[in-house]
PDB file of N, CA and C in Angstrom:
ATOM      1  N   UNK A   1     -10.506 -10.312 -41.587  1.00  0.00           N
ATOM      2  CA  UNK A   1     -10.798  -8.930 -41.912  1.00  0.00           C
ATOM      3  C   UNK A   1     -10.194  -8.041 -40.828  1.00  0.00           C
ATOM      4  N   UNK A   2      -9.561  -6.983 -41.233  1.00  0.00           N
ATOM      5  CA  UNK A   2      -8.929  -6.033 -40.317  1.00  0.00           C
ATOM      6  C   UNK A   2      -9.994  -5.188 -39.620  1.00  0.00           C
ATOM      7  N   UNK A   3      -9.929  -5.133 -38.306  1.00  0.00           N
ATOM      8  CA  UNK A   3     -10.900  -4.338 -37.546  1.00  0.00           C
ATOM      9  C   UNK A   3     -10.154  -3.232 -36.806  1.00  0.00           C
ATOM     10  N   UNK A   4     -10.578  -2.015 -37.021  1.00  0.00           N
ATOM     11  CA  UNK A   4      -9.970  -0.868 -36.368  1.00  0.00           C
ATOM     12  C   UNK A   4     -10.685  -0.622 -35.045  1.00  0.00           C
ATOM     13  N   UNK A   5      -9.954  -0.681 -33.956  1.00  0.00           N
ATOM     14  CA  UNK A   5     -10.525  -0.444 -32.625  1.00  0.00           C
ATOM     15  C   UNK A   5      -9.969   0.858 -32.082  1.00  0.00           C
ATOM     16  N   UNK A   6     -10.866   1.757 -31.773  1.00  0.00           N
ATOM     17  CA  UNK A   6     -10.432   3.035 -31.235  1.00  0.00           C
ATOM     18  C   UNK A   6     -11.093   3.264 -29.891  1.00  0.00           C
ATOM     19  N   UNK A   7     -10.331   3.811 -28.985  1.00  0.00           N
ATOM     20  CA  UNK A   7     -10.865   4.161 -27.678  1.00  0.00           C
ATOM     21  C   UNK A   7     -11.737   5.398 -27.824  1.00  0.00           C
ATOM     22  N   UNK A   8     -12.809   5.428 -27.059  1.00  0.00           N
ATOM     23  CA  UNK A   8     -13.686   6.585 -27.039  1.00  0.00           C
ATOM     24  C   UNK A   8     -12.877   7.813 -26.630  1.00  0.00           C
ATOM     25  N   UNK A   9     -13.000   8.876 -27.378  1.00  0.00           N
ATOM     26  CA  UNK A   9     -12.230  10.085 -27.084  1.00  0.00           C
ATOM     27  C   UNK A   9     -12.583  10.611 -25.698  1.00  0.00           C
ATOM     28  N   UNK A  10     -11.600  11.201 -25.044  1.00  0.00           N
ATOM     29  CA  UNK A  10     -11.765  11.674 -23.660  1.00  0.00           C
ATOM     30  C   UNK A  10     -12.926  12.639 -23.513  1.00  0.00           C
ATOM     31  N   UNK A  11     -13.034  13.603 -24.416  1.00  0.00           N
ATOM     32  CA  UNK A  11     -14.089  14.607 -24.261  1.00  0.00           C
ATOM     33  C   UNK A  11     -15.478  13.997 -24.416  1.00  0.00           C
ATOM     34  N   UNK A  12     -15.613  12.951 -25.208  1.00  0.00           N
ATOM     35  CA  UNK A  12     -16.901  12.277 -25.359  1.00  0.00           C
ATOM     36  C   UNK A  12     -17.219  11.476 -24.097  1.00  0.00           C
ATOM     37  N   UNK A  13     -16.220  10.773 -23.561  1.00  0.00           N
ATOM     38  CA  UNK A  13     -16.414  10.012 -22.323  1.00  0.00           C
ATOM     39  C   UNK A  13     -16.831  10.944 -21.188  1.00  0.00           C
ATOM     40  N   UNK A  14     -16.155  12.081 -21.063  1.00  0.00           N
ATOM     41  CA  UNK A  14     -16.462  13.042 -19.999  1.00  0.00           C
ATOM     42  C   UNK A  14     -17.871  13.610 -20.181  1.00  0.00           C
ATOM     43  N   UNK A  15     -18.241  13.947 -21.388  1.00  0.00           N
ATOM     44  CA  UNK A  15     -19.594  14.458 -21.644  1.00  0.00           C
ATOM     45  C   UNK A  15     -20.653  13.452 -21.218  1.00  0.00           C
ATOM     46  N   UNK A  16     -20.428  12.207 -21.544  1.00  0.00           N
ATOM     47  CA  UNK A  16     -21.364  11.152 -21.175  1.00  0.00           C
ATOM     48  C   UNK A  16     -21.419  10.977 -19.651  1.00  0.00           C
ATOM     49  N   UNK A  17     -20.277  11.025 -19.013  1.00  0.00           N
ATOM     50  CA  UNK A  17     -20.214  10.896 -17.561  1.00  0.00           C
ATOM     51  C   UNK A  17     -21.005  12.010 -16.877  1.00  0.00           C
ATOM     52  N   UNK A  18     -20.825  13.231 -17.328  1.00  0.00           N
ATOM     53  CA  UNK A  18     -21.555  14.363 -16.755  1.00  0.00           C
ATOM     54  C   UNK A  18     -23.057  14.226 -16.983  1.00  0.00           C
ATOM     55  N   UNK A  19     -23.432  13.887 -18.180  1.00  0.00           N
ATOM     56  CA  UNK A  19     -24.857  13.730 -18.506  1.00  0.00           C
ATOM     57  C   UNK A  19     -25.503  12.653 -17.625  1.00  0.00           C
ATOM     58  N   UNK A  20     -24.821  11.533 -17.442  1.00  0.00           N
ATOM     59  CA  UNK A  20     -25.360  10.455 -16.612  1.00  0.00           C
ATOM     60  C   UNK A  20     -25.452  10.855 -15.140  1.00  0.00           C
ATOM     61  N   UNK A  21     -24.473  11.607 -14.649  1.00  0.00           N
ATOM     62  CA  UNK A  21     -24.521  12.069 -13.250  1.00  0.00           C
ATOM     63  C   UNK A  21     -25.696  13.018 -13.043  1.00  0.00           C
ATOM     64  N   UNK A  22     -25.885  13.958 -13.952  1.00  0.00           N
ATOM     65  CA  UNK A  22     -27.018  14.877 -13.854  1.00  0.00           C
ATOM     66  C   UNK A  22     -28.346  14.130 -13.962  1.00  0.00           C
ATOM     67  N   UNK A  23     -28.379  13.101 -14.800  1.00  0.00           N
ATOM     68  CA  UNK A  23     -29.582  12.299 -14.969  1.00  0.00           C
ATOM     69  C   UNK A  23     -29.994  11.573 -13.703  1.00  0.00           C
ATOM     70  N   UNK A  24     -29.054  11.363 -12.796  1.00  0.00           N
ATOM     71  CA  UNK A  24     -29.348  10.706 -11.517  1.00  0.00           C
ATOM     72  C   UNK A  24     -29.619  11.706 -10.401  1.00  0.00           C
ATOM     73  N   UNK A  25     -29.691  12.973 -10.774  1.00  0.00           N
ATOM     74  CA  UNK A  25     -29.966  13.987  -9.766  1.00  0.00           C
ATOM     75  C   UNK A  25     -28.727  14.472  -9.034  1.00  0.00           C
ATOM     76  N   UNK A  26     -27.557  14.117  -9.525  1.00  0.00           N
ATOM     77  CA  UNK A  26     -26.312  14.552  -8.912  1.00  0.00           C
ATOM     78  C   UNK A  26     -25.769  15.796  -9.579  1.00  0.00           C
ATOM     79  N   UNK A  27     -24.604  16.181  -9.144  1.00  0.00           N
ATOM     80  CA  UNK A  27     -23.912  17.339  -9.697  1.00  0.00           C
ATOM     81  C   UNK A  27     -22.617  16.835 -10.311  1.00  0.00           C
ATOM     82  N   UNK A  28     -22.208  17.448 -11.405  1.00  0.00           N
ATOM     83  CA  UNK A  28     -20.955  17.082 -12.051  1.00  0.00           C
ATOM     84  C   UNK A  28     -20.353  18.311 -12.702  1.00  0.00           C
ATOM     85  N   UNK A  29     -19.028  18.371 -12.713  1.00  0.00           N
ATOM     86  CA  UNK A  29     -18.336  19.498 -13.332  1.00  0.00           C
ATOM     87  C   UNK A  29     -16.959  19.062 -13.803  1.00  0.00           C
ATOM     88  N   UNK A  30     -16.502  19.723 -14.849  1.00  0.00           N
ATOM     89  CA  UNK A  30     -15.132  19.528 -15.314  1.00  0.00           C
ATOM     90  C   UNK A  30     -14.274  20.556 -14.586  1.00  0.00           C
ATOM     91  N   UNK A  31     -13.374  20.079 -13.724  1.00  0.00           N
ATOM     92  CA  UNK A  31     -12.487  20.978 -12.995  1.00  0.00           C
ATOM     93  C   UNK A  31     -11.240  21.324 -13.795  1.00  0.00           C
ATOM     94  N   UNK A  32     -10.864  20.404 -14.686  1.00  0.00           N
ATOM     95  CA  UNK A  32      -9.691  20.632 -15.534  1.00  0.00           C
ATOM     96  C   UNK A  32      -9.929  19.912 -16.853  1.00  0.00           C
ATOM     97  N   UNK A  33      -9.842  20.672 -17.918  1.00  0.00           N
ATOM     98  CA  UNK A  33     -10.022  20.097 -19.247  1.00  0.00           C
ATOM     99  C   UNK A  33      -8.664  19.681 -19.791  1.00  0.00           C
ATOM    100  N   UNK A  34      -8.586  18.427 -20.200  1.00  0.00           N
ATOM    101  CA  UNK A  34      -7.335  17.895 -20.717  1.00  0.00           C
ATOM    102  C   UNK A  34      -7.376  17.741 -22.221  1.00  0.00           C
ATOM    103  N   UNK A  35      -6.503  16.896 -22.719  1.00  0.00           N
ATOM    104  CA  UNK A  35      -6.436  16.630 -24.152  1.00  0.00           C
ATOM    105  C   UNK A  35      -7.746  15.987 -24.608  1.00  0.00           C
ATOM    106  N   UNK A  36      -8.340  16.538 -25.663  1.00  0.00           N
ATOM    107  CA  UNK A  36      -9.662  16.089 -26.098  1.00  0.00           C
ATOM    108  C   UNK A  36      -9.686  14.647 -26.578  1.00  0.00           C
ATOM    109  N   UNK A  37      -8.629  14.197 -27.210  1.00  0.00           N
ATOM    110  CA  UNK A  37      -8.651  12.855 -27.779  1.00  0.00           C
ATOM    111  C   UNK A  37      -8.242  11.765 -26.794  1.00  0.00           C
ATOM    112  N   UNK A  38      -7.145  11.950 -26.106  1.00  0.00           N
ATOM    113  CA  UNK A  38      -6.619  10.840 -25.311  1.00  0.00           C
ATOM    114  C   UNK A  38      -6.119  11.258 -23.927  1.00  0.00           C
ATOM    115  N   UNK A  39      -6.630  12.320 -23.369  1.00  0.00           N
ATOM    116  CA  UNK A  39      -6.182  12.736 -22.040  1.00  0.00           C
ATOM    117  C   UNK A  39      -6.639  11.764 -20.966  1.00  0.00           C
ATOM    118  N   UNK A  40      -5.773  11.510 -19.995  1.00  0.00           N
ATOM    119  CA  UNK A  40      -6.137  10.664 -18.856  1.00  0.00           C
ATOM    120  C   UNK A  40      -7.241  11.362 -18.061  1.00  0.00           C
ATOM    121  N   UNK A  41      -8.163  10.581 -17.501  1.00  0.00           N
ATOM    122  CA  UNK A  41      -9.299  11.143 -16.777  1.00  0.00           C
ATOM    123  C   UNK A  41      -9.243  10.717 -15.324  1.00  0.00           C
ATOM    124  N   UNK A  42      -9.302  11.695 -14.433  1.00  0.00           N
ATOM    125  CA  UNK A  42      -9.373  11.449 -12.993  1.00  0.00           C
ATOM    126  C   UNK A  42     -10.737  11.910 -12.517  1.00  0.00           C
ATOM    127  N   UNK A  43     -11.364  11.106 -11.682  1.00  0.00           N
ATOM    128  CA  UNK A  43     -12.716  11.398 -11.206  1.00  0.00           C
ATOM    129  C   UNK A  43     -12.672  11.600  -9.699  1.00  0.00           C
ATOM    130  N   UNK A  44     -13.129  12.754  -9.283  1.00  0.00           N
ATOM    131  CA  UNK A  44     -13.157  13.133  -7.873  1.00  0.00           C
ATOM    132  C   UNK A  44     -14.610  13.055  -7.412  1.00  0.00           C
ATOM    133  N   UNK A  45     -14.902  12.116  -6.529  1.00  0.00           N
ATOM    134  CA  UNK A  45     -16.269  11.930  -6.044  1.00  0.00           C
ATOM    135  C   UNK A  45     -16.399  12.495  -4.633  1.00  0.00           C
ATOM    136  N   UNK A  46     -17.361  13.394  -4.482  1.00  0.00           N
ATOM    137  CA  UNK A  46     -17.664  13.951  -3.169  1.00  0.00           C
ATOM    138  C   UNK A  46     -19.002  13.381  -2.710  1.00  0.00           C
ATOM    139  N   UNK A  47     -19.033  12.908  -1.494  1.00  0.00           N
ATOM    140  CA  UNK A  47     -20.272  12.377  -0.932  1.00  0.00           C
ATOM    141  C   UNK A  47     -20.822  13.316   0.124  1.00  0.00           C
ATOM    142  N   UNK A  48     -22.008  12.990   0.611  1.00  0.00           N
ATOM    143  CA  UNK A  48     -22.634  13.819   1.658  1.00  0.00           C
ATOM    144  C   UNK A  48     -21.847  13.811   2.964  1.00  0.00           C
ATOM    145  N   UNK A  49     -21.037  12.797   3.161  1.00  0.00           N
ATOM    146  CA  UNK A  49     -20.261  12.682   4.396  1.00  0.00           C
ATOM    147  C   UNK A  49     -19.169  13.741   4.498  1.00  0.00           C
ATOM    148  N   UNK A  50     -18.850  14.382   3.369  1.00  0.00           N
ATOM    149  CA  UNK A  50     -17.767  15.355   3.358  1.00  0.00           C
ATOM    150  C   UNK A  50     -16.438  14.748   2.945  1.00  0.00           C
ATOM    151  N   UNK A  51     -16.381  13.428   2.871  1.00  0.00           N
ATOM    152  CA  UNK A  51     -15.160  12.750   2.452  1.00  0.00           C
ATOM    153  C   UNK A  51     -15.214  12.484   0.952  1.00  0.00           C
ATOM    154  N   UNK A  52     -14.049  12.217   0.388  1.00  0.00           N
ATOM    155  CA  UNK A  52     -13.954  12.071  -1.057  1.00  0.00           C
ATOM    156  C   UNK A  52     -13.283  10.761  -1.453  1.00  0.00           C
ATOM    157  N   UNK A  53     -13.541  10.372  -2.696  1.00  0.00           N
ATOM    158  CA  UNK A  53     -12.886   9.223  -3.312  1.00  0.00           C
ATOM    159  C   UNK A  53     -12.302   9.702  -4.635  1.00  0.00           C
ATOM    160  N   UNK A  54     -11.097   9.261  -4.921  1.00  0.00           N
ATOM    161  CA  UNK A  54     -10.435   9.616  -6.171  1.00  0.00           C
ATOM    162  C   UNK A  54     -10.263   8.360  -7.013  1.00  0.00           C
ATOM    163  N   UNK A  55     -10.788   8.422  -8.234  1.00  0.00           N
ATOM    164  CA  UNK A  55     -10.634   7.340  -9.205  1.00  0.00           C
ATOM    165  C   UNK A  55      -9.618   7.784 -10.247  1.00  0.00           C
ATOM    166  N   UNK A  56      -8.739   6.867 -10.610  1.00  0.00           N
ATOM    167  CA  UNK A  56      -7.684   7.158 -11.583  1.00  0.00           C
ATOM    168  C   UNK A  56      -7.728   6.102 -12.684  1.00  0.00           C
ATOM    169  N   UNK A  57      -7.151   6.404 -13.836  1.00  0.00           N
ATOM    170  CA  UNK A  57      -7.103   5.395 -14.898  1.00  0.00           C
ATOM    171  C   UNK A  57      -6.397   4.133 -14.403  1.00  0.00           C
ATOM    172  N   UNK A  58      -6.977   2.990 -14.722  1.00  0.00           N
ATOM    173  CA  UNK A  58      -6.383   1.715 -14.312  1.00  0.00           C
ATOM    174  C   UNK A  58      -5.113   1.443 -15.112  1.00  0.00           C
ATOM    175  N   UNK A  59      -4.147   0.781 -14.483  1.00  0.00           N
ATOM    176  CA  UNK A  59      -2.942   0.392 -15.228  1.00  0.00           C
ATOM    177  C   UNK A  59      -3.288  -0.545 -16.389  1.00  0.00           C
ATOM    178  N   UNK A  60      -2.478  -0.532 -17.414  1.00  0.00           N
ATOM    179  CA  UNK A  60      -2.735  -1.313 -18.626  1.00  0.00           C
ATOM    180  C   UNK A  60      -2.857  -2.814 -18.366  1.00  0.00           C
ATOM    181  N   UNK A  61      -2.229  -3.335 -17.315  1.00  0.00           N
ATOM    182  CA  UNK A  61      -2.292  -4.775 -17.079  1.00  0.00           C
ATOM    183  C   UNK A  61      -3.677  -5.240 -16.612  1.00  0.00           C
ATOM    184  N   UNK A  62      -4.616  -4.333 -16.382  1.00  0.00           N
ATOM    185  CA  UNK A  62      -5.976  -4.700 -16.008  1.00  0.00           C
ATOM    186  C   UNK A  62      -6.893  -4.859 -17.219  1.00  0.00           C
ATOM    187  N   UNK A  63      -6.367  -4.699 -18.407  1.00  0.00           N
ATOM    188  CA  UNK A  63      -7.177  -4.820 -19.603  1.00  0.00           C
ATOM    189  C   UNK A  63      -7.093  -6.251 -20.109  1.00  0.00           C
ATOM    190  N   UNK A  64      -8.234  -6.771 -20.569  1.00  0.00           N
ATOM    191  CA  UNK A  64      -8.348  -8.179 -20.931  1.00  0.00           C
ATOM    192  C   UNK A  64      -7.560  -8.560 -22.175  1.00  0.00           C
ATOM    193  N   UNK A  65      -7.703  -7.786 -23.216  1.00  0.00           N
ATOM    194  CA  UNK A  65      -7.097  -8.141 -24.491  1.00  0.00           C
ATOM    195  C   UNK A  65      -6.249  -6.991 -25.013  1.00  0.00           C
ATOM    196  N   UNK A  66      -5.410  -7.300 -25.959  1.00  0.00           N
ATOM    197  CA  UNK A  66      -4.538  -6.282 -26.544  1.00  0.00           C
ATOM    198  C   UNK A  66      -5.337  -5.167 -27.206  1.00  0.00           C
ATOM    199  N   UNK A  67      -6.458  -5.480 -27.846  1.00  0.00           N
ATOM    200  CA  UNK A  67      -7.255  -4.487 -28.547  1.00  0.00           C
ATOM    201  C   UNK A  67      -8.359  -3.877 -27.697  1.00  0.00           C
ATOM    202  N   UNK A  68      -8.346  -4.131 -26.397  1.00  0.00           N
ATOM    203  CA  UNK A  68      -9.388  -3.616 -25.496  1.00  0.00           C
ATOM    204  C   UNK A  68      -9.312  -2.093 -25.468  1.00  0.00           C
ATOM    205  N   UNK A  69     -10.412  -1.441 -25.833  1.00  0.00           N
ATOM    206  CA  UNK A  69     -10.419   0.013 -25.929  1.00  0.00           C
ATOM    207  C   UNK A  69     -11.250   0.683 -24.837  1.00  0.00           C
ATOM    208  N   UNK A  70     -11.734  -0.089 -23.880  1.00  0.00           N
ATOM    209  CA  UNK A  70     -12.574   0.493 -22.829  1.00  0.00           C
ATOM    210  C   UNK A  70     -11.736   1.338 -21.867  1.00  0.00           C
ATOM    211  N   UNK A  71     -12.417   2.184 -21.138  1.00  0.00           N
ATOM    212  CA  UNK A  71     -11.762   2.970 -20.094  1.00  0.00           C
ATOM    213  C   UNK A  71     -12.112   2.339 -18.759  1.00  0.00           C
ATOM    214  N   UNK A  72     -11.101   1.998 -18.003  1.00  0.00           N
ATOM    215  CA  UNK A  72     -11.300   1.401 -16.683  1.00  0.00           C
ATOM    216  C   UNK A  72     -10.577   2.254 -15.659  1.00  0.00           C
ATOM    217  N   UNK A  73     -11.119   2.238 -14.457  1.00  0.00           N
ATOM    218  CA  UNK A  73     -10.585   3.062 -13.385  1.00  0.00           C
ATOM    219  C   UNK A  73     -10.295   2.216 -12.160  1.00  0.00           C
ATOM    220  N   UNK A  74      -9.408   2.736 -11.333  1.00  0.00           N
ATOM    221  CA  UNK A  74      -9.112   2.124 -10.041  1.00  0.00           C
ATOM    222  C   UNK A  74      -9.326   3.173  -8.963  1.00  0.00           C
ATOM    223  N   UNK A  75      -9.606   2.712  -7.759  1.00  0.00           N
ATOM    224  CA  UNK A  75      -9.731   3.631  -6.631  1.00  0.00           C
ATOM    225  C   UNK A  75      -8.319   3.982  -6.184  1.00  0.00           C
ATOM    226  N   UNK A  76      -7.985   5.260  -6.237  1.00  0.00           N
ATOM    227  CA  UNK A  76      -6.670   5.713  -5.794  1.00  0.00           C
ATOM    228  C   UNK A  76      -6.719   6.122  -4.329  1.00  0.00           C
ATOM    229  N   UNK A  77      -7.788   6.800  -3.930  1.00  0.00           N
ATOM    230  CA  UNK A  77      -8.007   7.196  -2.534  1.00  0.00           C
ATOM    231  C   UNK A  77      -9.487   6.989  -2.225  1.00  0.00           C
ATOM    232  N   UNK A  78      -9.793   6.557  -1.008  1.00  0.00           N
ATOM    233  CA  UNK A  78     -11.199   6.345  -0.635  1.00  0.00           C
ATOM    234  C   UNK A  78     -11.463   6.919   0.748  1.00  0.00           C
ATOM    235  N   UNK A  79     -12.531   7.712   0.861  1.00  0.00           N
ATOM    236  CA  UNK A  79     -12.962   8.226   2.153  1.00  0.00           C
ATOM    237  C   UNK A  79     -11.936   9.117   2.832  1.00  0.00           C
ATOM    238  N   UNK A  80     -11.356  10.031   2.071  1.00  0.00           N
ATOM    239  CA  UNK A  80     -10.310  10.896   2.606  1.00  0.00           C
ATOM    240  C   UNK A  80     -10.768  12.355   2.599  1.00  0.00           C
ATOM    241  N   UNK A  81     -10.018  13.181   3.290  1.00  0.00           N
ATOM    242  CA  UNK A  81     -10.274  14.619   3.314  1.00  0.00           C
ATOM    243  C   UNK A  81      -9.934  15.216   1.941  1.00  0.00           C
ATOM    244  N   UNK A  82     -10.552  16.339   1.642  1.00  0.00           N
ATOM    245  CA  UNK A  82     -10.355  17.004   0.351  1.00  0.00           C
ATOM    246  C   UNK A  82      -8.884  17.343   0.095  1.00  0.00           C
ATOM    247  N   UNK A  83      -8.153  17.688   1.135  1.00  0.00           N
ATOM    248  CA  UNK A  83      -6.743  18.065   0.963  1.00  0.00           C
ATOM    249  C   UNK A  83      -5.905  16.916   0.419  1.00  0.00           C
ATOM    250  N   UNK A  84      -6.220  15.694   0.815  1.00  0.00           N
ATOM    251  CA  UNK A  84      -5.476  14.538   0.310  1.00  0.00           C
ATOM    252  C   UNK A  84      -5.725  14.355  -1.183  1.00  0.00           C
ATOM    253  N   UNK A  85      -6.943  14.574  -1.617  1.00  0.00           N
ATOM    254  CA  UNK A  85      -7.268  14.475  -3.043  1.00  0.00           C
ATOM    255  C   UNK A  85      -6.569  15.597  -3.807  1.00  0.00           C
ATOM    256  N   UNK A  86      -6.565  16.804  -3.242  1.00  0.00           N
ATOM    257  CA  UNK A  86      -5.874  17.934  -3.887  1.00  0.00           C
ATOM    258  C   UNK A  86      -4.393  17.636  -4.096  1.00  0.00           C
ATOM    259  N   UNK A  87      -3.750  17.080  -3.080  1.00  0.00           N
ATOM    260  CA  UNK A  87      -2.320  16.745  -3.191  1.00  0.00           C
ATOM    261  C   UNK A  87      -2.088  15.701  -4.283  1.00  0.00           C
ATOM    262  N   UNK A  88      -2.923  14.672  -4.301  1.00  0.00           N
ATOM    263  CA  UNK A  88      -2.762  13.617  -5.305  1.00  0.00           C
ATOM    264  C   UNK A  88      -2.968  14.168  -6.714  1.00  0.00           C
ATOM    265  N   UNK A  89      -3.978  15.010  -6.883  1.00  0.00           N
ATOM    266  CA  UNK A  89      -4.240  15.577  -8.207  1.00  0.00           C
ATOM    267  C   UNK A  89      -3.146  16.545  -8.635  1.00  0.00           C
ATOM    268  N   UNK A  90      -2.615  17.304  -7.715  1.00  0.00           N
ATOM    269  CA  UNK A  90      -1.496  18.202  -8.049  1.00  0.00           C
ATOM    270  C   UNK A  90      -0.310  17.410  -8.574  1.00  0.00           C
ATOM    271  N   UNK A  91      -0.048  16.293  -7.944  1.00  0.00           N
ATOM    272  CA  UNK A  91       1.043  15.430  -8.388  1.00  0.00           C
ATOM    273  C   UNK A  91       0.771  14.874  -9.780  1.00  0.00           C
ATOM    274  N   UNK A  92      -0.458  14.460 -10.035  1.00  0.00           N
ATOM    275  CA  UNK A  92      -0.811  13.935 -11.360  1.00  0.00           C
ATOM    276  C   UNK A  92      -0.684  15.007 -12.438  1.00  0.00           C
ATOM    277  N   UNK A  93      -1.084  16.231 -12.124  1.00  0.00           N
ATOM    278  CA  UNK A  93      -0.990  17.330 -13.095  1.00  0.00           C
ATOM    279  C   UNK A  93       0.470  17.622 -13.434  1.00  0.00           C
ATOM    280  N   UNK A  94       1.350  17.565 -12.431  1.00  0.00           N
ATOM    281  CA  UNK A  94       2.780  17.767 -12.710  1.00  0.00           C
ATOM    282  C   UNK A  94       3.317  16.680 -13.639  1.00  0.00           C
ATOM    283  N   UNK A  95       2.802  15.458 -13.475  1.00  0.00           N
ATOM    284  CA  UNK A  95       3.242  14.331 -14.298  1.00  0.00           C
ATOM    285  C   UNK A  95       2.627  14.383 -15.697  1.00  0.00           C
ATOM    286  N   UNK A  96       1.346  14.775 -15.788  1.00  0.00           N
ATOM    287  CA  UNK A  96       0.623  14.771 -17.061  1.00  0.00           C
ATOM    288  C   UNK A  96      -0.263  16.013 -17.133  1.00  0.00           C
ATOM    289  N   UNK A  97       0.225  17.036 -17.774  1.00  0.00           N
ATOM    290  CA  UNK A  97      -0.504  18.304 -17.857  1.00  0.00           C
ATOM    291  C   UNK A  97      -1.747  18.222 -18.740  1.00  0.00           C
ATOM    292  N   UNK A  98      -1.902  17.149 -19.511  1.00  0.00           N
ATOM    293  CA  UNK A  98      -3.050  16.992 -20.398  1.00  0.00           C
ATOM    294  C   UNK A  98      -4.191  16.185 -19.778  1.00  0.00           C
ATOM    295  N   UNK A  99      -4.147  15.960 -18.470  1.00  0.00           N
ATOM    296  CA  UNK A  99      -5.178  15.139 -17.834  1.00  0.00           C
ATOM    297  C   UNK A  99      -6.457  15.927 -17.572  1.00  0.00           C
ATOM    298  N   UNK A 100      -7.547  15.201 -17.475  1.00  0.00           N
ATOM    299  CA  UNK A 100      -8.856  15.747 -17.135  1.00  0.00           C
ATOM    300  C   UNK A 100      -9.119  15.500 -15.660  1.00  0.00           C
ATOM    301  N   UNK A 101      -9.840  16.407 -15.020  1.00  0.00           N
ATOM    302  CA  UNK A 101     -10.323  16.182 -13.658  1.00  0.00           C
ATOM    303  C   UNK A 101     -11.810  16.482 -13.666  1.00  0.00           C
ATOM    304  N   UNK A 102     -12.580  15.475 -13.302  1.00  0.00           N
ATOM    305  CA  UNK A 102     -14.033  15.584 -13.270  1.00  0.00           C
ATOM    306  C   UNK A 102     -14.481  15.408 -11.828  1.00  0.00           C
ATOM    307  N   UNK A 103     -15.373  16.259 -11.387  1.00  0.00           N
ATOM    308  CA  UNK A 103     -15.912  16.165 -10.039  1.00  0.00           C
ATOM    309  C   UNK A 103     -17.362  15.695 -10.107  1.00  0.00           C
ATOM    310  N   UNK A 104     -17.681  14.712  -9.281  1.00  0.00           N
ATOM    311  CA  UNK A 104     -19.047  14.213  -9.169  1.00  0.00           C
ATOM    312  C   UNK A 104     -19.508  14.371  -7.728  1.00  0.00           C
ATOM    313  N   UNK A 105     -20.706  14.850  -7.550  1.00  0.00           N
ATOM    314  CA  UNK A 105     -21.312  14.882  -6.222  1.00  0.00           C
ATOM    315  C   UNK A 105     -22.481  13.914  -6.241  1.00  0.00           C
ATOM    316  N   UNK A 106     -22.152  12.681  -5.937  1.00  0.00           N
ATOM    317  CA  UNK A 106     -23.099  11.574  -5.874  1.00  0.00           C
ATOM    318  C   UNK A 106     -22.626  10.643  -4.768  1.00  0.00           C
ATOM    319  N   UNK A 107     -23.571  10.061  -4.041  1.00  0.00           N
ATOM    320  CA  UNK A 107     -23.157   9.107  -3.019  1.00  0.00           C
ATOM    321  C   UNK A 107     -22.700   7.788  -3.631  1.00  0.00           C
ATOM    322  N   UNK A 108     -23.254   7.428  -4.788  1.00  0.00           N
ATOM    323  CA  UNK A 108     -22.859   6.189  -5.445  1.00  0.00           C
ATOM    324  C   UNK A 108     -22.700   6.448  -6.936  1.00  0.00           C
ATOM    325  N   UNK A 109     -21.477   6.308  -7.397  1.00  0.00           N
ATOM    326  CA  UNK A 109     -21.223   6.480  -8.836  1.00  0.00           C
ATOM    327  C   UNK A 109     -20.579   5.220  -9.412  1.00  0.00           C
ATOM    328  N   UNK A 110     -20.670   4.125  -8.679  1.00  0.00           N
ATOM    329  CA  UNK A 110     -19.956   2.903  -9.046  1.00  0.00           C
ATOM    330  C   UNK A 110     -20.345   2.321 -10.408  1.00  0.00           C
ATOM    331  N   UNK A 111     -21.566   2.567 -10.854  1.00  0.00           N
ATOM    332  CA  UNK A 111     -21.943   2.001 -12.139  1.00  0.00           C
ATOM    333  C   UNK A 111     -21.904   3.016 -13.287  1.00  0.00           C
ATOM    334  N   UNK A 112     -21.292   4.169 -13.056  1.00  0.00           N
ATOM    335  CA  UNK A 112     -21.130   5.152 -14.127  1.00  0.00           C
ATOM    336  C   UNK A 112     -19.898   4.865 -14.989  1.00  0.00           C
ATOM    337  N   UNK A 113     -18.971   4.076 -14.463  1.00  0.00           N
ATOM    338  CA  UNK A 113     -17.756   3.743 -15.189  1.00  0.00           C
ATOM    339  C   UNK A 113     -17.242   2.402 -14.658  1.00  0.00           C
ATOM    340  N   UNK A 114     -16.343   1.770 -15.416  1.00  0.00           N
ATOM    341  CA  UNK A 114     -15.826   0.451 -15.059  1.00  0.00           C
ATOM    342  C   UNK A 114     -14.697   0.562 -14.048  1.00  0.00           C
ATOM    343  N   UNK A 115     -14.816  -0.207 -12.970  1.00  0.00           N
ATOM    344  CA  UNK A 115     -13.781  -0.265 -11.944  1.00  0.00           C
ATOM    345  C   UNK A 115     -13.055  -1.611 -12.016  1.00  0.00           C
ATOM    346  N   UNK A 116     -11.771  -1.607 -11.702  1.00  0.00           N
ATOM    347  CA  UNK A 116     -11.013  -2.848 -11.617  1.00  0.00           C
ATOM    348  C   UNK A 116     -10.812  -3.223 -10.164  1.00  0.00           C
TER     349      UNK A 116
END
């Protein structure tokens, strides 16, 4: 039997991410709204230390199966100054103008999304 597998739309994933962050007593905001259906999502995590971590979409070779529709992320930058994250995101926006940027203010967001 033919099974249609679709990835969760970006705007739905982002809505869920924000709701879960707020549910944990954190802060979350959409800094840049991208393509609603399939825009790449970048997550900017700010901790109490003042340093930031940037999560980016994982490369396709980290997916288990051909029909895998989950969203997975990799750590692009960890424990860096805000300016380093700004530079990285500016570069991503030049490459893909339809990307999303979500900011989370939580000390631990590791179980809000899948990491590779």
